[in-house]
Protein backbone atom coordinates (compact mmCIF):
# COMPACT_ATOMS: atom_id res chain seq x y z
CA MET A 1 -21.77 -22.99 -2.53
CA ALA A 2 -22.87 -19.08 -3.78
CA PHE A 3 -20.80 -16.24 -2.44
CA ARG A 4 -21.61 -12.90 -3.00
CA ALA A 5 -18.46 -10.95 -5.20
CA LEU A 6 -18.02 -7.20 -6.87
CA VAL A 7 -18.21 -7.94 -10.23
CA VAL A 8 -16.22 -5.84 -12.95
CA GLU A 9 -18.13 -6.31 -16.47
CA LYS A 10 -17.10 -4.22 -19.87
CA ASP A 11 -19.89 -3.76 -22.62
CA ASP A 12 -20.50 -4.04 -26.09
CA GLU A 13 -18.40 0.15 -26.19
CA GLY A 14 -15.32 -0.80 -24.09
CA LYS A 15 -17.18 0.73 -20.83
CA THR A 16 -16.45 -0.92 -17.54
CA HIS A 17 -19.21 -1.10 -14.75
CA GLY A 18 -19.38 -3.19 -11.80
CA SER A 19 -22.12 -4.69 -9.61
CA VAL A 20 -22.62 -6.93 -6.44
CA GLN A 21 -23.55 -10.38 -7.85
CA THR A 22 -23.72 -13.78 -6.43
CA LEU A 23 -21.63 -16.24 -7.83
CA ASP A 24 -21.08 -20.43 -7.38
CA GLU A 25 -17.93 -21.65 -6.00
CA ALA A 26 -17.40 -23.57 -9.19
CA GLN A 27 -16.84 -20.57 -10.81
CA LEU A 28 -13.62 -19.54 -8.63
CA PRO A 29 -10.49 -20.08 -10.38
CA GLN A 30 -8.22 -22.42 -10.08
CA GLY A 31 -5.39 -22.90 -7.27
CA ASP A 32 -4.43 -24.99 -4.06
CA VAL A 33 -6.07 -22.85 -0.82
CA THR A 34 -9.59 -21.45 -1.02
CA VAL A 35 -10.00 -18.69 1.54
CA ALA A 36 -13.03 -17.19 3.03
CA VAL A 37 -12.43 -13.51 2.85
CA GLU A 38 -13.12 -11.35 5.74
CA TYR A 39 -11.99 -8.06 4.98
CA SER A 40 -10.24 -6.41 1.64
CA THR A 41 -9.20 -3.05 1.36
CA VAL A 42 -8.70 0.03 -1.80
CA ASN A 43 -5.79 1.12 -3.18
CA TYR A 44 -4.92 3.35 -6.11
CA LYS A 45 -4.45 -0.76 -8.43
CA ASP A 46 -7.73 -1.25 -6.90
CA GLY A 47 -9.41 1.83 -8.34
CA LEU A 48 -7.80 1.35 -11.67
CA CYS A 49 -9.23 -2.17 -11.82
CA LEU A 50 -12.42 -1.25 -10.35
CA GLY A 51 -12.73 1.66 -13.55
CA PRO A 52 -11.54 1.76 -16.65
CA GLY A 53 -8.83 -1.21 -15.73
CA GLY A 54 -5.73 0.77 -15.98
CA GLY A 55 -4.29 -1.85 -18.49
CA LEU A 56 -3.72 -3.90 -15.91
CA VAL A 57 -7.29 -6.53 -16.05
CA ARG A 58 -6.33 -8.86 -18.88
CA SER A 59 -10.34 -10.59 -19.21
CA TYR A 60 -13.30 -9.42 -17.81
CA PRO A 61 -15.80 -10.24 -16.10
CA HIS A 62 -13.30 -10.07 -13.48
CA VAL A 63 -13.43 -9.14 -9.52
CA PRO A 64 -10.84 -7.43 -8.48
CA GLY A 65 -9.45 -6.55 -4.98
CA ILE A 66 -5.31 -6.86 -4.57
CA ASP A 67 -5.68 -7.57 -0.91
CA PHE A 68 -7.57 -9.90 1.00
CA ALA A 69 -7.69 -11.16 4.71
CA GLY A 70 -9.58 -14.31 5.99
CA VAL A 71 -9.81 -18.03 6.98
CA VAL A 72 -8.76 -20.91 5.18
CA GLU A 73 -11.55 -22.86 3.92
CA ALA A 74 -9.85 -25.82 1.79
CA SER A 75 -6.54 -26.51 0.91
CA ASP A 76 -4.85 -28.81 -1.02
CA ASP A 77 -0.92 -27.69 0.07
CA PRO A 78 0.15 -28.81 3.82
CA ARG A 79 1.72 -25.72 4.80
CA TYR A 80 -2.38 -24.67 5.42
CA LYS A 81 -5.57 -26.06 7.29
CA ALA A 82 -8.82 -25.39 7.25
CA GLY A 83 -8.94 -23.08 10.26
CA ASP A 84 -5.98 -20.67 9.28
CA LYS A 85 -5.98 -17.13 9.42
CA VAL A 86 -3.88 -15.90 6.27
CA VAL A 87 -3.13 -12.37 4.00
CA LEU A 88 -2.43 -11.62 0.89
CA THR A 89 -1.21 -8.73 -0.92
CA GLY A 90 0.44 -8.92 -4.58
CA TRP A 91 1.40 -11.38 -6.85
CA ARG A 92 -1.04 -9.34 -9.52
CA VAL A 93 -4.31 -11.00 -7.68
CA GLY A 94 -7.17 -8.80 -8.35
CA GLU A 95 -5.48 -7.43 -11.46
CA VAL A 96 -4.98 -11.10 -13.90
CA HIS A 97 -6.07 -13.22 -11.27
CA TRP A 98 -9.08 -13.03 -9.28
CA GLY A 99 -9.87 -10.93 -6.62
CA GLY A 100 -10.78 -10.12 -2.24
CA TYR A 101 -13.67 -8.14 -2.98
CA ALA A 102 -15.52 -11.32 -2.43
CA GLU A 103 -16.41 -13.60 0.32
CA LYS A 104 -14.28 -16.38 -1.53
CA ALA A 105 -11.27 -16.20 -2.87
CA ARG A 106 -8.76 -19.45 -4.46
CA VAL A 107 -5.51 -18.98 -4.52
CA LYS A 108 -2.09 -20.70 -5.18
CA ALA A 109 -0.84 -21.41 -1.39
CA ASP A 110 2.82 -19.62 -2.67
CA TRP A 111 1.07 -16.03 -2.46
CA LEU A 112 -0.37 -16.51 1.24
CA VAL A 113 1.53 -15.44 4.43
CA PRO A 114 0.24 -16.56 7.42
CA LEU A 115 -1.31 -14.11 9.46
CA PRO A 116 1.10 -12.96 13.20
CA ASP A 117 0.21 -14.07 16.52
CA GLY A 118 -1.69 -10.90 17.25
CA LEU A 119 -3.19 -9.21 13.99
CA SER A 120 -7.08 -9.93 13.17
CA THR A 121 -7.75 -10.22 9.38
CA ARG A 122 -9.19 -6.32 9.35
CA ALA A 123 -6.01 -5.38 11.12
CA ALA A 124 -4.11 -6.86 8.31
CA MET A 125 -6.35 -5.06 5.99
CA ALA A 126 -6.43 -1.67 7.72
CA VAL A 127 -2.63 -2.44 6.91
CA GLY A 128 -2.89 -3.99 2.92
CA THR A 129 -0.25 -3.32 0.95
CA ALA A 130 0.13 0.49 1.21
CA GLY A 131 0.94 -0.80 4.68
CA PHE A 132 3.14 -3.72 3.66
CA THR A 133 4.97 -1.59 1.06
CA ALA A 134 5.58 0.81 3.92
CA MET A 135 7.22 -1.23 5.86
CA LEU A 136 9.26 -2.84 3.36
CA ALA A 137 10.38 1.04 2.75
CA VAL A 138 11.64 1.51 6.42
CA MET A 139 13.48 -1.55 6.20
CA ALA A 140 15.02 -0.85 3.37
CA LEU A 141 15.97 2.60 4.92
CA GLU A 142 17.15 0.50 8.09
CA ASP A 143 19.20 -1.66 6.38
CA HIS A 144 21.43 1.15 4.24
CA GLY A 145 21.69 2.73 8.13
CA LEU A 146 19.12 4.88 9.11
CA LYS A 147 18.76 4.91 12.49
CA PRO A 148 16.36 6.86 14.82
CA GLY A 149 18.16 10.15 16.26
CA ALA A 150 19.50 10.75 12.77
CA GLY A 151 17.84 13.52 11.89
CA GLU A 152 14.40 14.25 10.28
CA VAL A 153 12.78 11.57 8.02
CA LEU A 154 10.95 12.88 5.80
CA VAL A 155 7.63 11.10 3.93
CA THR A 156 5.83 12.15 1.53
CA GLY A 157 1.92 11.92 0.01
CA ALA A 158 2.33 11.27 4.21
CA ALA A 159 -1.65 11.40 4.24
CA GLY A 160 -2.14 8.73 1.73
CA GLY A 161 -2.40 5.25 2.74
CA VAL A 162 1.51 4.28 2.33
CA GLY A 163 2.14 7.19 3.91
CA SER A 164 0.27 7.24 6.92
CA VAL A 165 1.36 3.91 7.95
CA ALA A 166 5.07 4.93 7.10
CA THR A 167 4.52 8.16 9.43
CA ALA A 168 3.23 6.08 12.19
CA ILE A 169 6.02 3.03 11.99
CA LEU A 170 8.95 5.88 11.57
CA ALA A 171 7.74 7.62 14.70
CA GLN A 172 6.74 4.28 16.91
CA LEU A 173 10.30 3.59 15.93
CA GLY A 174 11.13 7.17 17.32
CA HIS A 175 12.51 8.76 14.34
CA GLU A 176 11.65 12.39 13.90
CA VAL A 177 8.88 12.19 10.33
CA ALA A 178 8.55 15.54 8.23
CA ALA A 179 5.42 15.02 6.52
CA VAL A 180 4.32 16.44 3.33
CA THR A 181 1.27 17.23 1.94
CA GLY A 182 -1.20 19.34 -0.45
CA ARG A 183 -4.02 19.25 1.69
CA PRO A 184 -3.12 21.37 4.60
CA GLU A 185 -6.49 19.97 6.38
CA GLN A 186 -4.96 17.17 7.07
CA GLU A 187 -2.78 18.85 9.76
CA ASP A 188 -3.95 17.18 12.38
CA TYR A 189 -4.33 13.87 10.97
CA LEU A 190 -0.96 13.56 10.30
CA LYS A 191 0.21 14.85 13.60
CA GLY A 192 -1.77 12.13 15.20
CA LEU A 193 0.27 9.96 13.49
CA GLY A 194 3.65 10.96 14.97
CA ALA A 195 4.74 13.71 12.70
CA ALA A 196 6.77 16.20 14.55
CA ARG A 197 5.83 18.63 12.00
CA ILE A 198 4.12 19.32 8.60
CA VAL A 199 5.85 20.46 4.52
CA ALA A 200 3.75 21.60 2.61
CA ARG A 201 3.55 20.17 -1.08
CA ALA A 202 4.17 23.45 -2.31
CA ASP A 203 7.47 23.74 -0.44
CA LEU A 204 8.89 21.17 -2.27
CA ALA A 205 6.68 21.19 -5.84
CA GLU A 206 9.19 23.76 -7.46
CA THR A 207 11.93 22.25 -9.65
CA VAL A 208 15.40 24.19 -9.27
CA LYS A 209 17.99 24.43 -11.16
CA ARG A 210 20.86 23.47 -8.56
CA PRO A 211 21.49 19.80 -8.09
CA LEU A 212 22.32 20.16 -4.36
CA GLU A 213 20.88 21.51 -2.21
CA ALA A 214 21.65 22.21 2.01
CA GLU A 215 21.65 18.67 3.95
CA THR A 216 18.47 18.48 5.44
CA TRP A 217 17.10 14.63 5.73
CA ALA A 218 18.30 11.80 7.21
CA GLY A 219 16.35 9.21 4.85
CA CYS A 220 12.94 9.29 2.88
CA VAL A 221 9.70 7.49 2.06
CA ASP A 222 8.04 8.74 -1.42
CA ALA A 223 4.96 8.28 -2.72
CA VAL A 224 5.15 10.88 -4.97
CA GLY A 225 7.64 10.63 -7.93
CA GLY A 226 8.46 13.18 -10.48
CA ALA A 227 9.51 16.47 -9.45
CA MET A 228 9.21 15.90 -6.38
CA LEU A 229 11.68 12.76 -5.96
CA ALA A 230 14.33 15.29 -8.07
CA ARG A 231 14.04 17.68 -5.40
CA VAL A 232 14.60 15.50 -1.95
CA LEU A 233 17.60 14.11 -3.66
CA GLY A 234 18.78 17.00 -3.43
CA GLN A 235 18.54 17.81 -0.36
CA MET A 236 19.57 14.30 1.60
CA LYS A 237 21.89 14.28 3.77
CA TYR A 238 25.08 12.06 3.23
CA GLY A 239 25.36 8.63 2.16
CA ALA A 240 21.14 9.36 2.91
CA SER A 241 18.67 7.03 1.52
CA VAL A 242 15.61 7.40 0.04
CA ALA A 243 12.88 4.58 -0.57
CA ALA A 244 10.84 5.11 -3.82
CA VAL A 245 7.02 3.34 -3.53
CA GLY A 246 5.15 5.56 -5.92
CA LEU A 247 4.40 8.12 -8.62
CA ALA A 248 1.39 9.77 -7.84
CA GLY A 249 4.10 13.10 -8.82
CA GLY A 250 4.59 11.47 -12.03
CA ALA A 251 6.78 9.03 -14.12
CA GLY A 252 9.51 11.34 -14.59
CA LEU A 253 12.42 11.93 -12.87
CA PRO A 254 14.49 15.05 -13.94
CA ALA A 255 17.29 14.68 -11.78
CA THR A 256 20.84 14.60 -11.94
CA VAL A 257 23.43 12.31 -11.12
CA ILE A 258 25.22 14.68 -8.48
CA PRO A 259 23.62 13.75 -5.87
CA PHE A 260 24.52 9.90 -5.87
CA LEU A 261 28.63 11.10 -6.87
CA LEU A 262 28.88 13.78 -4.28
CA ARG A 263 26.75 12.79 -1.54
CA GLY A 264 26.94 8.71 -1.76
CA VAL A 265 22.37 9.12 -2.02
CA ASN A 266 21.20 5.84 -2.52
CA LEU A 267 17.64 5.61 -4.26
CA LEU A 268 16.29 2.55 -3.22
CA GLY A 269 13.46 1.02 -5.10
CA ILE A 270 10.24 -0.65 -3.28
CA ASP A 271 8.48 -3.58 -4.76
CA SER A 272 5.86 -5.08 -3.01
CA VAL A 273 3.86 -7.44 -5.56
CA MET A 274 6.86 -10.40 -6.11
CA GLN A 275 8.70 -10.10 -2.80
CA PRO A 276 9.52 -13.73 -1.97
CA HIS A 277 8.24 -14.70 0.77
CA ASP A 278 10.97 -14.93 3.24
CA ASN A 279 11.19 -10.96 3.13
CA ARG A 280 6.91 -11.05 3.37
CA LEU A 281 6.88 -13.02 6.65
CA ARG A 282 9.74 -10.06 8.20
CA ALA A 283 7.64 -7.60 7.44
CA TRP A 284 4.72 -8.74 8.56
CA GLU A 285 6.36 -9.80 11.57
CA ARG A 286 8.13 -6.05 11.91
CA ILE A 287 4.11 -4.42 11.10
CA ALA A 288 2.75 -6.79 13.92
CA ARG A 289 5.78 -5.26 16.41
CA ASP A 290 5.89 -1.95 15.25
CA LEU A 291 2.62 -0.43 13.73
CA PRO A 292 1.33 1.28 16.33
CA MET A 293 -2.69 -0.75 16.63
CA ASP A 294 -4.09 2.84 17.74
CA LYS A 295 -2.77 5.02 14.90
CA LEU A 296 -3.73 2.45 12.36
CA GLU A 297 -7.36 2.54 14.12
CA ALA A 298 -7.46 6.86 13.87
CA MET A 299 -6.23 5.62 9.88
CA ILE A 300 -9.31 3.13 8.73
CA ALA A 301 -12.60 4.26 7.03
CA PRO A 302 -14.76 1.37 6.93
CA ALA A 303 -16.90 0.08 3.53
CA THR A 304 -18.86 -3.02 2.08
CA LEU A 305 -19.06 -3.93 -1.51
CA GLU A 306 -21.03 -2.12 -2.82
CA ASP A 307 -19.17 1.45 -1.63
CA LEU A 308 -16.59 0.02 -3.75
CA PRO A 309 -17.40 1.93 -7.09
CA ARG A 310 -17.41 4.73 -5.31
CA LEU A 311 -14.31 4.65 -3.56
CA GLY A 312 -12.75 3.50 -6.60
CA ALA A 313 -12.83 6.62 -8.27
CA ALA A 314 -12.32 8.47 -5.01
CA ILE A 315 -8.76 6.95 -4.89
CA LEU A 316 -7.93 7.56 -8.16
CA LYS A 317 -8.59 11.36 -7.52
CA GLY A 318 -6.75 11.41 -4.59
CA GLU A 319 -9.71 11.90 -1.93
CA VAL A 320 -9.06 8.44 0.43
CA ARG A 321 -7.10 9.30 3.35
CA GLY A 322 -5.57 6.68 5.35
CA ARG A 323 -6.78 3.68 4.98
CA VAL A 324 -10.59 2.29 4.20
CA VAL A 325 -11.36 -1.32 5.90
CA VAL A 326 -13.66 -2.95 2.88
CA ASP A 327 -15.58 -6.15 5.37
CA VAL A 328 -17.30 -7.56 2.58
CA ARG A 329 -19.69 -9.88 4.58
CA GLY A 330 -22.25 -7.29 4.26
């Protein structure tokens, strides 16, 4: 059976380029379950894999796409049968293993999650790794005591994929969200997602010498890292937590241990790639329940396989807002 896929190849000079090609099902990698993919999405990692690889892709030709949602076509695993709707994020699919930028994918059954009732394959990819990560971050903050009414919750990189979904979820749960962005033109978009106020990125970008500032934030979902995360740690309320989900501002952390020692601040690392299956089920069930679908719809920008090389370059430049949903069927 032939199917269409976005294939990235590397030439003799080491340069990569992607194109939509027709492949045969026999070319799919080994796996327990074959999925007829309906939708995928575009994440920062996808931008790397569509371009130079970022050290993520091990061999070419390669089919990127770290997320996909679709319908099981064939299964050698009793947990899944033909017709089941499933979603996949993480497990290095789209990096080491061929991913979702294709009309078909073959993967291990352990990597799949049944799609929760009431969530379409399109909505699942509007969520994708970014939204899944956002929900893991919210759950971690809740597990460490965050409750509505405790004060403002900061979301950095709020106009990006993780930040957009985190803003919508937190607002839906009754939190007062302060959204950080360096793009003033995104103010209406962020307030539409439920942000109570906008914080200019410049207000938090400057490194200060004082290890502690006024107690300001009851919680934080941080997609930026670097100097901004260091600054935010010194502004957290006593016992509050920061869920770290990204490094758009750099991998370094020019901070001191003082916020941890004198205010009991918690820094929570959020990994979405290797999450255990039970945590994945819990997160997707919460997404189906707590993410307002009307807000989700406002984040969506539609795309096709042919759009992916352009979008991959754009997301690496920080030029993609919200969630791109790729209809791989054309």
